[in-house]
Amino acid sequence: MKKISLVSSCFNEEENIEDLYKRVVNQMEKFHGEYDFEYILLDNGSNDNTAQKLKKLASQDKRIKVIINARNFGHIRSPYYGICQAYGDAVIYLASDLQDPPELIEKFIKKWEEGYKVVLGQKTSSKENSLMYFIRKCYYNLISSICDDGTNLVKNCTGFGLYDKCAVDIFRDINDPYPYLRGQICDIGFEKALVEFEQPQRERGITKNNFYTLYDNAMLGIVKHSKVPLRIMTMLGFFTSLMSIIIAFIYLILKLFFWNMFDFGLAPLIISMFFFGSVQLFCFGILGEYIGAIYTRVDKKPLVVEKERINF
């Protein structure tokens, strides 16, 4: 009998764990006799009672497998590590905050049975903050437009979905220490089925997303799939240099012919210094993101260090 592995990564989600477990099990009970299943739950260094609740569930249900991380390894590495630890014929990843509705599991499996290797949940609308949803939508449009590595990135997909065993095997072979999952999904090229849904509002707990995590994810997607920012830096440097030469030449002509009429003082110099300084800082920042991505790749740190495993 084929096995389906479900994966969720948790950080301070003690208020959602039991409801998440019940809703996932209810969905999998619909396939009783057709598939075996396991549910891998990772605690990513929680400082509340999440780990204790996971251990309790694992003691009551041997289908629940728990990985306790040695510390918080971040919102990117821990979920990816969990997927790579799943060896079912299909792997379903969903967030533990219940904003990825477990009720879509049935639709994912049906699409998989039709032959799709990758099935993704695609947000068509959201009950979250409208401003945040708009910003996310703009980001997806931006990264889709600047992607230059041939990857056809799917908009409004966060990684919530089902992956066939062959796709997960490829993820393991890539062995990326800081992966952009939603980009890898599209990069491997398998035909994808999309299941549309409205993202519900978080009912319990506090979102773990902040400016840094959102920025981190956004820049990761850009540096993994586009060289456009680097080329913008080159063009920006060329045009600002050209503009400087033209302005300097004009200023020289004006001073030669109208020596006493044009005395601009230090203001143009100060303004130009600030302008070129800001351009340089912007370019250094972009360049630093690419260098950081290279360093992370060659540093070969493990995705996650485990503290404890249960029911494996």
C-alpha atoms as a PDB file:
ATOM      1  CA  MET A   1       0.000   0.000   0.000  1.00  0.00           C
ATOM      2  CA  LYS A   2       1.330   3.440  -0.905  1.00  0.00           C
ATOM      3  CA  LYS A   3       2.173   5.903   1.843  1.00  0.00           C
ATOM      4  CA  ILE A   4       1.495   9.627   2.008  1.00  0.00           C
ATOM      5  CA  SER A   5       3.736  11.733   4.231  1.00  0.00           C
ATOM      6  CA  LEU A   6       2.457  15.002   5.633  1.00  0.00           C
ATOM      7  CA  VAL A   7       4.851  17.604   7.002  1.00  0.00           C
ATOM      8  CA  SER A   8       4.464  20.734   9.133  1.00  0.00           C
ATOM      9  CA  SER A   9       7.053  22.895  10.851  1.00  0.00           C
ATOM     10  CA  CYS A  10       6.032  24.570  14.110  1.00  0.00           C
ATOM     11  CA  PHE A  11       7.307  27.517  16.105  1.00  0.00           C
ATOM     12  CA  ASN A  12       5.260  28.590  19.131  1.00  0.00           C
ATOM     13  CA  GLU A  13       2.034  27.076  17.804  1.00  0.00           C
ATOM     14  CA  GLU A  14       0.754  25.433  20.994  1.00  0.00           C
ATOM     15  CA  GLU A  15      -2.722  26.891  20.429  1.00  0.00           C
ATOM     16  CA  ASN A  16      -3.030  25.358  16.953  1.00  0.00           C
ATOM     17  CA  ILE A  17      -1.358  21.946  17.257  1.00  0.00           C
ATOM     18  CA  GLU A  18      -4.326  19.896  18.446  1.00  0.00           C
ATOM     19  CA  ASP A  19      -6.743  21.421  15.935  1.00  0.00           C
ATOM     20  CA  LEU A  20      -4.180  20.951  13.158  1.00  0.00           C
ATOM     21  CA  TYR A  21      -3.757  17.280  14.087  1.00  0.00           C
ATOM     22  CA  LYS A  22      -7.499  16.604  14.191  1.00  0.00           C
ATOM     23  CA  ARG A  23      -8.186  18.296  10.848  1.00  0.00           C
ATOM     24  CA  VAL A  24      -5.314  16.507   9.105  1.00  0.00           C
ATOM     25  CA  VAL A  25      -6.318  13.106  10.479  1.00  0.00           C
ATOM     26  CA  ASN A  26      -9.942  13.700   9.492  1.00  0.00           C
ATOM     27  CA  GLN A  27      -8.815  14.301   5.923  1.00  0.00           C
ATOM     28  CA  MET A  28      -6.603  11.229   5.803  1.00  0.00           C
ATOM     29  CA  GLU A  29      -9.338   9.014   7.262  1.00  0.00           C
ATOM     30  CA  LYS A  30     -11.192   9.567   3.982  1.00  0.00           C
ATOM     31  CA  PHE A  31      -8.480   7.454   2.337  1.00  0.00           C
ATOM     32  CA  HIS A  32      -8.525   4.660   4.914  1.00  0.00           C
ATOM     33  CA  GLY A  33      -7.692   1.415   3.179  1.00  0.00           C
ATOM     34  CA  GLU A  34      -6.248   3.217   0.154  1.00  0.00           C
ATOM     35  CA  TYR A  35      -3.117   4.791   1.641  1.00  0.00           C
ATOM     36  CA  ASP A  36      -1.031   4.564   4.769  1.00  0.00           C
ATOM     37  CA  PHE A  37       0.040   7.910   6.130  1.00  0.00           C
ATOM     38  CA  GLU A  38       2.491   9.504   8.508  1.00  0.00           C
ATOM     39  CA  TYR A  39       2.543  13.038   9.837  1.00  0.00           C
ATOM     40  CA  ILE A  40       5.977  14.550  10.467  1.00  0.00           C
ATOM     41  CA  LEU A  41       5.898  17.557  12.797  1.00  0.00           C
ATOM     42  CA  LEU A  42       9.026  19.583  13.461  1.00  0.00           C
ATOM     43  CA  ASP A  43       9.407  21.827  16.480  1.00  0.00           C
ATOM     44  CA  ASN A  44      11.703  24.651  15.422  1.00  0.00           C
ATOM     45  CA  GLY A  45      13.025  25.743  18.800  1.00  0.00           C
ATOM     46  CA  SER A  46       9.691  26.805  20.321  1.00  0.00           C
ATOM     47  CA  ASN A  47       9.787  28.500  23.712  1.00  0.00           C
ATOM     48  CA  ASP A  48       6.195  27.645  24.642  1.00  0.00           C
ATOM     49  CA  ASN A  49       4.557  24.208  25.117  1.00  0.00           C
ATOM     50  CA  THR A  50       4.578  23.232  21.429  1.00  0.00           C
ATOM     51  CA  ALA A  51       7.229  20.514  21.852  1.00  0.00           C
ATOM     52  CA  GLN A  52       5.424  18.976  24.822  1.00  0.00           C
ATOM     53  CA  LYS A  53       2.143  18.864  22.908  1.00  0.00           C
ATOM     54  CA  LEU A  54       3.844  17.232  19.937  1.00  0.00           C
ATOM     55  CA  LYS A  55       5.376  14.582  22.173  1.00  0.00           C
ATOM     56  CA  LYS A  56       1.980  13.888  23.723  1.00  0.00           C
ATOM     57  CA  LEU A  57       0.383  13.425  20.297  1.00  0.00           C
ATOM     58  CA  ALA A  58       3.225  11.121  19.267  1.00  0.00           C
ATOM     59  CA  SER A  59       2.688   8.962  22.344  1.00  0.00           C
ATOM     60  CA  GLN A  60      -1.007   8.618  21.503  1.00  0.00           C
ATOM     61  CA  ASP A  61      -0.696   8.082  17.750  1.00  0.00           C
ATOM     62  CA  LYS A  62       2.310   6.253  16.281  1.00  0.00           C
ATOM     63  CA  ARG A  63       1.572   7.754  12.871  1.00  0.00           C
ATOM     64  CA  ILE A  64       2.775  11.049  14.315  1.00  0.00           C
ATOM     65  CA  LYS A  65       6.532  11.487  13.965  1.00  0.00           C
ATOM     66  CA  VAL A  66       8.219  14.341  15.758  1.00  0.00           C
ATOM     67  CA  ILE A  67      11.558  16.048  15.185  1.00  0.00           C
ATOM     68  CA  ILE A  68      12.750  18.472  17.856  1.00  0.00           C
ATOM     69  CA  ASN A  69      15.323  20.901  16.460  1.00  0.00           C
ATOM     70  CA  ALA A  70      18.307  21.888  18.574  1.00  0.00           C
ATOM     71  CA  ARG A  71      17.373  25.560  18.034  1.00  0.00           C
ATOM     72  CA  ASN A  72      15.308  27.761  15.743  1.00  0.00           C
ATOM     73  CA  PHE A  73      16.758  27.229  12.263  1.00  0.00           C
ATOM     74  CA  GLY A  74      14.428  29.677  10.580  1.00  0.00           C
ATOM     75  CA  HIS A  75      11.296  29.740   8.498  1.00  0.00           C
ATOM     76  CA  ILE A  76      13.057  28.523   5.340  1.00  0.00           C
ATOM     77  CA  ARG A  77      15.317  25.687   6.450  1.00  0.00           C
ATOM     78  CA  SER A  78      13.104  23.803   8.891  1.00  0.00           C
ATOM     79  CA  PRO A  79      10.116  23.194   6.542  1.00  0.00           C
ATOM     80  CA  TYR A  80      12.465  22.140   3.726  1.00  0.00           C
ATOM     81  CA  TYR A  81      14.310  19.771   6.055  1.00  0.00           C
ATOM     82  CA  GLY A  82      11.005  18.199   7.077  1.00  0.00           C
ATOM     83  CA  ILE A  83      10.079  17.556   3.449  1.00  0.00           C
ATOM     84  CA  CYS A  84      13.458  15.921   2.852  1.00  0.00           C
ATOM     85  CA  GLN A  85      12.911  13.615   5.839  1.00  0.00           C
ATOM     86  CA  ALA A  86       9.665  12.282   4.361  1.00  0.00           C
ATOM     87  CA  TYR A  87       9.893   9.087   2.298  1.00  0.00           C
ATOM     88  CA  GLY A  88       6.275   8.545   1.354  1.00  0.00           C
ATOM     89  CA  ASP A  89       5.150   8.060  -2.237  1.00  0.00           C
ATOM     90  CA  ALA A  90       3.795  11.613  -1.986  1.00  0.00           C
ATOM     91  CA  VAL A  91       4.671  14.395   0.460  1.00  0.00           C
ATOM     92  CA  ILE A  92       2.201  17.103   1.505  1.00  0.00           C
ATOM     93  CA  TYR A  93       3.510  20.229   3.198  1.00  0.00           C
ATOM     94  CA  LEU A  94       1.196  22.599   5.075  1.00  0.00           C
ATOM     95  CA  ALA A  95       1.884  25.358   7.572  1.00  0.00           C
ATOM     96  CA  SER A  96       1.030  24.744  11.215  1.00  0.00           C
ATOM     97  CA  ASP A  97      -0.822  28.057  11.670  1.00  0.00           C
ATOM     98  CA  LEU A  98      -3.917  26.683   9.832  1.00  0.00           C
ATOM     99  CA  GLN A  99      -3.686  29.358   7.142  1.00  0.00           C
ATOM    100  CA  ASP A 100      -2.972  26.454   4.787  1.00  0.00           C
ATOM    101  CA  PRO A 101      -6.381  24.717   5.050  1.00  0.00           C
ATOM    102  CA  PRO A 102      -5.999  20.949   5.699  1.00  0.00           C
ATOM    103  CA  GLU A 103      -9.318  20.480   3.901  1.00  0.00           C
ATOM    104  CA  LEU A 104      -7.445  20.836   0.592  1.00  0.00           C
ATOM    105  CA  ILE A 105      -5.538  17.602   1.223  1.00  0.00           C
ATOM    106  CA  GLU A 106      -8.266  15.565  -0.453  1.00  0.00           C
ATOM    107  CA  LYS A 107      -8.081  17.701  -3.603  1.00  0.00           C
ATOM    108  CA  PHE A 108      -4.288  17.449  -3.652  1.00  0.00           C
ATOM    109  CA  ILE A 109      -4.408  13.665  -3.537  1.00  0.00           C
ATOM    110  CA  LYS A 110      -7.055  13.489  -6.260  1.00  0.00           C
ATOM    111  CA  LYS A 111      -4.874  15.611  -8.553  1.00  0.00           C
ATOM    112  CA  TRP A 112      -1.877  13.413  -7.737  1.00  0.00           C
ATOM    113  CA  GLU A 113      -3.887  10.345  -8.668  1.00  0.00           C
ATOM    114  CA  GLU A 114      -4.549  11.995 -12.039  1.00  0.00           C
ATOM    115  CA  GLY A 115      -0.799  11.883 -12.683  1.00  0.00           C
ATOM    116  CA  TYR A 116       0.500  15.291 -11.572  1.00  0.00           C
ATOM    117  CA  LYS A 117       3.885  15.176  -9.842  1.00  0.00           C
ATOM    118  CA  VAL A 118       3.377  18.557  -8.181  1.00  0.00           C
ATOM    119  CA  VAL A 119       0.103  19.974  -6.860  1.00  0.00           C
ATOM    120  CA  LEU A 120       0.157  23.480  -5.400  1.00  0.00           C
ATOM    121  CA  GLY A 121      -2.321  25.462  -3.358  1.00  0.00           C
ATOM    122  CA  GLN A 122      -2.718  28.863  -5.001  1.00  0.00           C
ATOM    123  CA  LYS A 123      -4.133  31.820  -3.079  1.00  0.00           C
ATOM    124  CA  THR A 124      -6.709  33.703  -5.116  1.00  0.00           C
ATOM    125  CA  SER A 125      -7.663  35.937  -2.188  1.00  0.00           C
ATOM    126  CA  SER A 126      -6.863  36.313   1.464  1.00  0.00           C
ATOM    127  CA  LYS A 127      -8.502  37.376   4.702  1.00  0.00           C
ATOM    128  CA  GLU A 128      -5.158  38.620   6.024  1.00  0.00           C
ATOM    129  CA  ASN A 129      -4.217  42.287   6.130  1.00  0.00           C
ATOM    130  CA  SER A 130      -5.151  43.743   2.739  1.00  0.00           C
ATOM    131  CA  LEU A 131      -1.948  45.801   2.573  1.00  0.00           C
ATOM    132  CA  MET A 132       0.213  42.722   3.142  1.00  0.00           C
ATOM    133  CA  TYR A 133      -1.695  40.784   0.511  1.00  0.00           C
ATOM    134  CA  PHE A 134      -1.181  43.640  -1.962  1.00  0.00           C
ATOM    135  CA  ILE A 135       2.558  43.775  -1.210  1.00  0.00           C
ATOM    136  CA  ARG A 136       2.871  40.014  -1.680  1.00  0.00           C
ATOM    137  CA  LYS A 137       0.992  40.237  -4.971  1.00  0.00           C
ATOM    138  CA  CYS A 138       3.317  43.003  -6.198  1.00  0.00           C
ATOM    139  CA  TYR A 139       6.336  40.906  -5.217  1.00  0.00           C
ATOM    140  CA  TYR A 140       5.083  37.879  -7.136  1.00  0.00           C
ATOM    141  CA  ASN A 141       4.530  40.071 -10.192  1.00  0.00           C
ATOM    142  CA  LEU A 142       8.011  41.558  -9.823  1.00  0.00           C
ATOM    143  CA  ILE A 143       9.894  38.282  -9.472  1.00  0.00           C
ATOM    144  CA  SER A 144       7.938  36.731 -12.340  1.00  0.00           C
ATOM    145  CA  SER A 145       8.875  39.627 -14.597  1.00  0.00           C
ATOM    146  CA  ILE A 146      12.619  39.660 -13.767  1.00  0.00           C
ATOM    147  CA  CYS A 147      13.192  35.901 -13.646  1.00  0.00           C
ATOM    148  CA  ASP A 148      15.810  35.177 -16.322  1.00  0.00           C
ATOM    149  CA  ASP A 149      16.831  31.540 -15.712  1.00  0.00           C
ATOM    150  CA  GLY A 150      13.944  30.003 -17.636  1.00  0.00           C
ATOM    151  CA  THR A 151      11.984  29.161 -14.496  1.00  0.00           C
ATOM    152  CA  ASN A 152       8.281  29.885 -14.833  1.00  0.00           C
ATOM    153  CA  LEU A 153       7.458  30.888 -11.276  1.00  0.00           C
ATOM    154  CA  VAL A 154       3.851  30.370 -10.190  1.00  0.00           C
ATOM    155  CA  LYS A 155       2.268  33.371  -8.512  1.00  0.00           C
ATOM    156  CA  ASN A 156       0.654  33.257  -5.059  1.00  0.00           C
ATOM    157  CA  CYS A 157       2.023  29.808  -4.183  1.00  0.00           C
ATOM    158  CA  THR A 158       4.000  29.550  -0.951  1.00  0.00           C
ATOM    159  CA  GLY A 159       5.005  25.872  -0.942  1.00  0.00           C
ATOM    160  CA  PHE A 160       1.697  24.546   0.407  1.00  0.00           C
ATOM    161  CA  GLY A 161       0.991  21.506  -1.710  1.00  0.00           C
ATOM    162  CA  LEU A 162       1.785  17.925  -2.657  1.00  0.00           C
ATOM    163  CA  TYR A 163       5.053  16.641  -4.121  1.00  0.00           C
ATOM    164  CA  ASP A 164       5.576  13.244  -5.669  1.00  0.00           C
ATOM    165  CA  LYS A 165       8.438  11.113  -4.362  1.00  0.00           C
ATOM    166  CA  CYS A 166      10.476  11.752  -7.504  1.00  0.00           C
ATOM    167  CA  ALA A 167      10.302  15.529  -6.901  1.00  0.00           C
ATOM    168  CA  VAL A 168      11.375  15.143  -3.256  1.00  0.00           C
ATOM    169  CA  ASP A 169      14.290  12.956  -4.366  1.00  0.00           C
ATOM    170  CA  ILE A 170      15.436  15.830  -6.597  1.00  0.00           C
ATOM    171  CA  PHE A 171      15.194  18.251  -3.650  1.00  0.00           C
ATOM    172  CA  ARG A 172      17.529  15.973  -1.685  1.00  0.00           C
ATOM    173  CA  ASP A 173      19.988  15.745  -4.573  1.00  0.00           C
ATOM    174  CA  ILE A 174      20.096  19.548  -4.927  1.00  0.00           C
ATOM    175  CA  ASN A 175      21.228  19.709  -1.292  1.00  0.00           C
ATOM    176  CA  ASP A 176      20.787  23.469  -1.007  1.00  0.00           C
ATOM    177  CA  PRO A 177      21.579  24.705   2.535  1.00  0.00           C
ATOM    178  CA  TYR A 178      19.278  27.719   2.140  1.00  0.00           C
ATOM    179  CA  PRO A 179      16.652  26.808  -0.459  1.00  0.00           C
ATOM    180  CA  TYR A 180      13.926  28.848  -2.092  1.00  0.00           C
ATOM    181  CA  LEU A 181      11.346  26.065  -2.149  1.00  0.00           C
ATOM    182  CA  ARG A 182       8.708  27.728  -4.311  1.00  0.00           C
ATOM    183  CA  GLY A 183      11.398  28.434  -6.887  1.00  0.00           C
ATOM    184  CA  GLN A 184      12.807  24.905  -6.809  1.00  0.00           C
ATOM    185  CA  ILE A 185       9.325  23.513  -7.363  1.00  0.00           C
ATOM    186  CA  CYS A 186       9.062  25.409 -10.628  1.00  0.00           C
ATOM    187  CA  ASP A 187      12.720  24.959 -11.550  1.00  0.00           C
ATOM    188  CA  ILE A 188      12.547  21.160 -11.749  1.00  0.00           C
ATOM    189  CA  GLY A 189       9.974  21.523 -14.513  1.00  0.00           C
ATOM    190  CA  PHE A 190       7.285  18.988 -13.637  1.00  0.00           C
ATOM    191  CA  GLU A 191       3.780  19.827 -14.813  1.00  0.00           C
ATOM    192  CA  LYS A 192       1.873  21.374 -11.952  1.00  0.00           C
ATOM    193  CA  ALA A 193      -1.775  21.282 -10.938  1.00  0.00           C
ATOM    194  CA  LEU A 194      -3.107  24.321  -9.101  1.00  0.00           C
ATOM    195  CA  VAL A 195      -5.802  24.155  -6.445  1.00  0.00           C
ATOM    196  CA  GLU A 196      -7.217  27.597  -5.737  1.00  0.00           C
ATOM    197  CA  PHE A 197      -8.246  28.669  -2.239  1.00  0.00           C
ATOM    198  CA  GLU A 198      -8.923  31.713  -0.111  1.00  0.00           C
ATOM    199  CA  GLN A 199      -6.382  32.053   2.660  1.00  0.00           C
ATOM    200  CA  PRO A 200      -8.165  32.205   6.027  1.00  0.00           C
ATOM    201  CA  GLN A 201      -7.214  34.625   8.750  1.00  0.00           C
ATOM    202  CA  ARG A 202      -5.074  33.337  11.583  1.00  0.00           C
ATOM    203  CA  GLU A 203      -7.439  32.617  14.468  1.00  0.00           C
ATOM    204  CA  ARG A 204      -5.014  31.745  17.253  1.00  0.00           C
ATOM    205  CA  GLY A 205      -1.451  32.662  18.019  1.00  0.00           C
ATOM    206  CA  ILE A 206       0.759  35.402  16.618  1.00  0.00           C
ATOM    207  CA  THR A 207       2.193  35.442  13.131  1.00  0.00           C
ATOM    208  CA  LYS A 208       5.943  34.805  13.010  1.00  0.00           C
ATOM    209  CA  ASN A 209       6.388  36.870   9.858  1.00  0.00           C
ATOM    210  CA  ASN A 210       8.051  40.250  10.274  1.00  0.00           C
ATOM    211  CA  PHE A 211       9.861  42.677   8.015  1.00  0.00           C
ATOM    212  CA  TYR A 212      13.107  40.707   8.186  1.00  0.00           C
ATOM    213  CA  THR A 213      11.591  37.301   7.357  1.00  0.00           C
ATOM    214  CA  LEU A 214       9.580  38.755   4.471  1.00  0.00           C
ATOM    215  CA  TYR A 215      12.619  40.634   3.153  1.00  0.00           C
ATOM    216  CA  ASP A 216      14.776  37.526   3.531  1.00  0.00           C
ATOM    217  CA  ASN A 217      12.348  35.403   1.538  1.00  0.00           C
ATOM    218  CA  ALA A 218      11.899  38.076  -1.134  1.00  0.00           C
ATOM    219  CA  MET A 219      15.639  38.618  -1.672  1.00  0.00           C
ATOM    220  CA  LEU A 220      16.269  34.876  -1.660  1.00  0.00           C
ATOM    221  CA  GLY A 221      13.829  34.438  -4.527  1.00  0.00           C
ATOM    222  CA  ILE A 222      15.428  37.255  -6.506  1.00  0.00           C
ATOM    223  CA  VAL A 223      19.062  36.185  -6.129  1.00  0.00           C
ATOM    224  CA  LYS A 224      18.208  32.533  -6.856  1.00  0.00           C
ATOM    225  CA  HIS A 225      16.392  33.210 -10.109  1.00  0.00           C
ATOM    226  CA  SER A 226      17.515  36.523 -11.581  1.00  0.00           C
ATOM    227  CA  LYS A 227      20.669  38.407 -12.547  1.00  0.00           C
ATOM    228  CA  VAL A 228      18.616  41.474 -13.484  1.00  0.00           C
ATOM    229  CA  PRO A 229      19.593  43.453 -10.328  1.00  0.00           C
ATOM    230  CA  LEU A 230      23.276  42.959 -11.154  1.00  0.00           C
ATOM    231  CA  ARG A 231      22.712  44.228 -14.682  1.00  0.00           C
ATOM    232  CA  ILE A 232      20.718  47.179 -13.356  1.00  0.00           C
ATOM    233  CA  MET A 233      23.723  48.040 -11.191  1.00  0.00           C
ATOM    234  CA  THR A 234      25.995  47.971 -14.244  1.00  0.00           C
ATOM    235  CA  MET A 235      23.655  50.138 -16.288  1.00  0.00           C
ATOM    236  CA  LEU A 236      23.071  52.490 -13.372  1.00  0.00           C
ATOM    237  CA  GLY A 237      26.809  52.930 -12.934  1.00  0.00           C
ATOM    238  CA  PHE A 238      27.242  53.642 -16.636  1.00  0.00           C
ATOM    239  CA  PHE A 239      24.426  56.187 -16.858  1.00  0.00           C
ATOM    240  CA  THR A 240      25.323  58.014 -13.644  1.00  0.00           C
ATOM    241  CA  SER A 241      28.935  58.260 -14.823  1.00  0.00           C
ATOM    242  CA  LEU A 242      27.757  59.591 -18.173  1.00  0.00           C
ATOM    243  CA  MET A 243      25.437  62.052 -16.441  1.00  0.00           C
ATOM    244  CA  SER A 244      28.298  63.248 -14.240  1.00  0.00           C
ATOM    245  CA  ILE A 245      30.504  63.894 -17.271  1.00  0.00           C
ATOM    246  CA  ILE A 246      27.727  65.797 -19.069  1.00  0.00           C
ATOM    247  CA  ILE A 247      26.919  67.937 -16.008  1.00  0.00           C
ATOM    248  CA  ALA A 248      30.596  68.643 -15.422  1.00  0.00           C
ATOM    249  CA  PHE A 249      31.034  69.699 -19.052  1.00  0.00           C
ATOM    250  CA  ILE A 250      27.962  71.964 -18.920  1.00  0.00           C
ATOM    251  CA  TYR A 251      29.186  73.510 -15.672  1.00  0.00           C
ATOM    252  CA  LEU A 252      32.598  74.120 -17.213  1.00  0.00           C
ATOM    253  CA  ILE A 253      31.072  75.881 -20.242  1.00  0.00           C
ATOM    254  CA  LEU A 254      28.852  78.038 -18.049  1.00  0.00           C
ATOM    255  CA  LYS A 255      31.767  79.073 -15.854  1.00  0.00           C
ATOM    256  CA  LEU A 256      33.948  79.921 -18.867  1.00  0.00           C
ATOM    257  CA  PHE A 257      31.362  82.125 -20.546  1.00  0.00           C
ATOM    258  CA  PHE A 258      29.489  83.438 -17.503  1.00  0.00           C
ATOM    259  CA  TRP A 259      32.151  83.423 -14.826  1.00  0.00           C
ATOM    260  CA  ASN A 260      30.419  85.736 -12.376  1.00  0.00           C
ATOM    261  CA  MET A 261      26.800  84.836 -13.115  1.00  0.00           C
ATOM    262  CA  PHE A 262      26.940  81.165 -12.107  1.00  0.00           C
ATOM    263  CA  ASP A 263      28.227  80.643  -8.620  1.00  0.00           C
ATOM    264  CA  PHE A 264      26.474  77.545  -7.340  1.00  0.00           C
ATOM    265  CA  GLY A 265      28.614  77.201  -4.255  1.00  0.00           C
ATOM    266  CA  LEU A 266      28.877  73.855  -2.452  1.00  0.00           C
ATOM    267  CA  ALA A 267      25.215  72.838  -2.790  1.00  0.00           C
ATOM    268  CA  PRO A 268      25.580  70.954  -6.119  1.00  0.00           C
ATOM    269  CA  LEU A 269      28.671  69.195  -4.817  1.00  0.00           C
ATOM    270  CA  ILE A 270      26.989  68.077  -1.601  1.00  0.00           C
ATOM    271  CA  ILE A 271      23.834  66.934  -3.375  1.00  0.00           C
ATOM    272  CA  SER A 272      25.814  64.987  -5.960  1.00  0.00           C
ATOM    273  CA  MET A 273      27.929  63.367  -3.246  1.00  0.00           C
ATOM    274  CA  PHE A 274      24.835  62.178  -1.390  1.00  0.00           C
ATOM    275  CA  PHE A 275      23.284  60.944  -4.638  1.00  0.00           C
ATOM    276  CA  PHE A 276      26.303  58.941  -5.765  1.00  0.00           C
ATOM    277  CA  GLY A 277      26.870  57.685  -2.229  1.00  0.00           C
ATOM    278  CA  SER A 278      23.316  56.333  -2.053  1.00  0.00           C
ATOM    279  CA  VAL A 279      23.708  54.704  -5.469  1.00  0.00           C
ATOM    280  CA  GLN A 280      26.893  53.016  -4.300  1.00  0.00           C
ATOM    281  CA  LEU A 281      25.278  51.774  -1.084  1.00  0.00           C
ATOM    282  CA  PHE A 282      22.348  50.374  -3.069  1.00  0.00           C
ATOM    283  CA  CYS A 283      24.709  48.579  -5.448  1.00  0.00           C
ATOM    284  CA  PHE A 284      26.866  47.251  -2.608  1.00  0.00           C
ATOM    285  CA  GLY A 285      23.738  45.947  -0.884  1.00  0.00           C
ATOM    286  CA  ILE A 286      22.537  44.086  -3.974  1.00  0.00           C
ATOM    287  CA  LEU A 287      26.007  42.718  -4.611  1.00  0.00           C
ATOM    288  CA  GLY A 288      26.211  41.645  -0.970  1.00  0.00           C
ATOM    289  CA  GLU A 289      23.000  39.629  -1.309  1.00  0.00           C
ATOM    290  CA  TYR A 290      24.486  37.647  -4.190  1.00  0.00           C
ATOM    291  CA  ILE A 291      27.789  37.136  -2.374  1.00  0.00           C
ATOM    292  CA  GLY A 292      25.898  36.048   0.738  1.00  0.00           C
ATOM    293  CA  ALA A 293      23.936  33.497  -1.302  1.00  0.00           C
ATOM    294  CA  ILE A 294      27.202  32.120  -2.713  1.00  0.00           C
ATOM    295  CA  TYR A 295      28.777  31.966   0.747  1.00  0.00           C
ATOM    296  CA  THR A 296      25.776  30.143   2.183  1.00  0.00           C
ATOM    297  CA  ARG A 297      25.944  27.641  -0.666  1.00  0.00           C
ATOM    298  CA  VAL A 298      29.650  26.838  -0.222  1.00  0.00           C
ATOM    299  CA  ASP A 299      29.596  26.988   3.601  1.00  0.00           C
ATOM    300  CA  LYS A 300      27.842  23.590   3.678  1.00  0.00           C
ATOM    301  CA  LYS A 301      26.170  24.019   7.038  1.00  0.00           C
ATOM    302  CA  PRO A 302      23.432  21.467   7.773  1.00  0.00           C
ATOM    303  CA  LEU A 303      19.845  22.513   7.142  1.00  0.00           C
ATOM    304  CA  VAL A 304      18.888  21.549  10.693  1.00  0.00           C
ATOM    305  CA  VAL A 305      20.540  19.946  13.707  1.00  0.00           C
ATOM    306  CA  GLU A 306      18.182  17.599  15.505  1.00  0.00           C
ATOM    307  CA  LYS A 307      17.854  17.357  19.246  1.00  0.00           C
ATOM    308  CA  GLU A 308      15.397  14.468  19.362  1.00  0.00           C
ATOM    309  CA  ARG A 309      13.342  12.143  17.133  1.00  0.00           C
ATOM    310  CA  ILE A 310      10.174  10.322  18.115  1.00  0.00           C
ATOM    311  CA  ASN A 311       8.411   7.392  16.362  1.00  0.00           C
ATOM    312  CA  PHE A 312      10.885   7.140  13.492  1.00  0.00           C
END
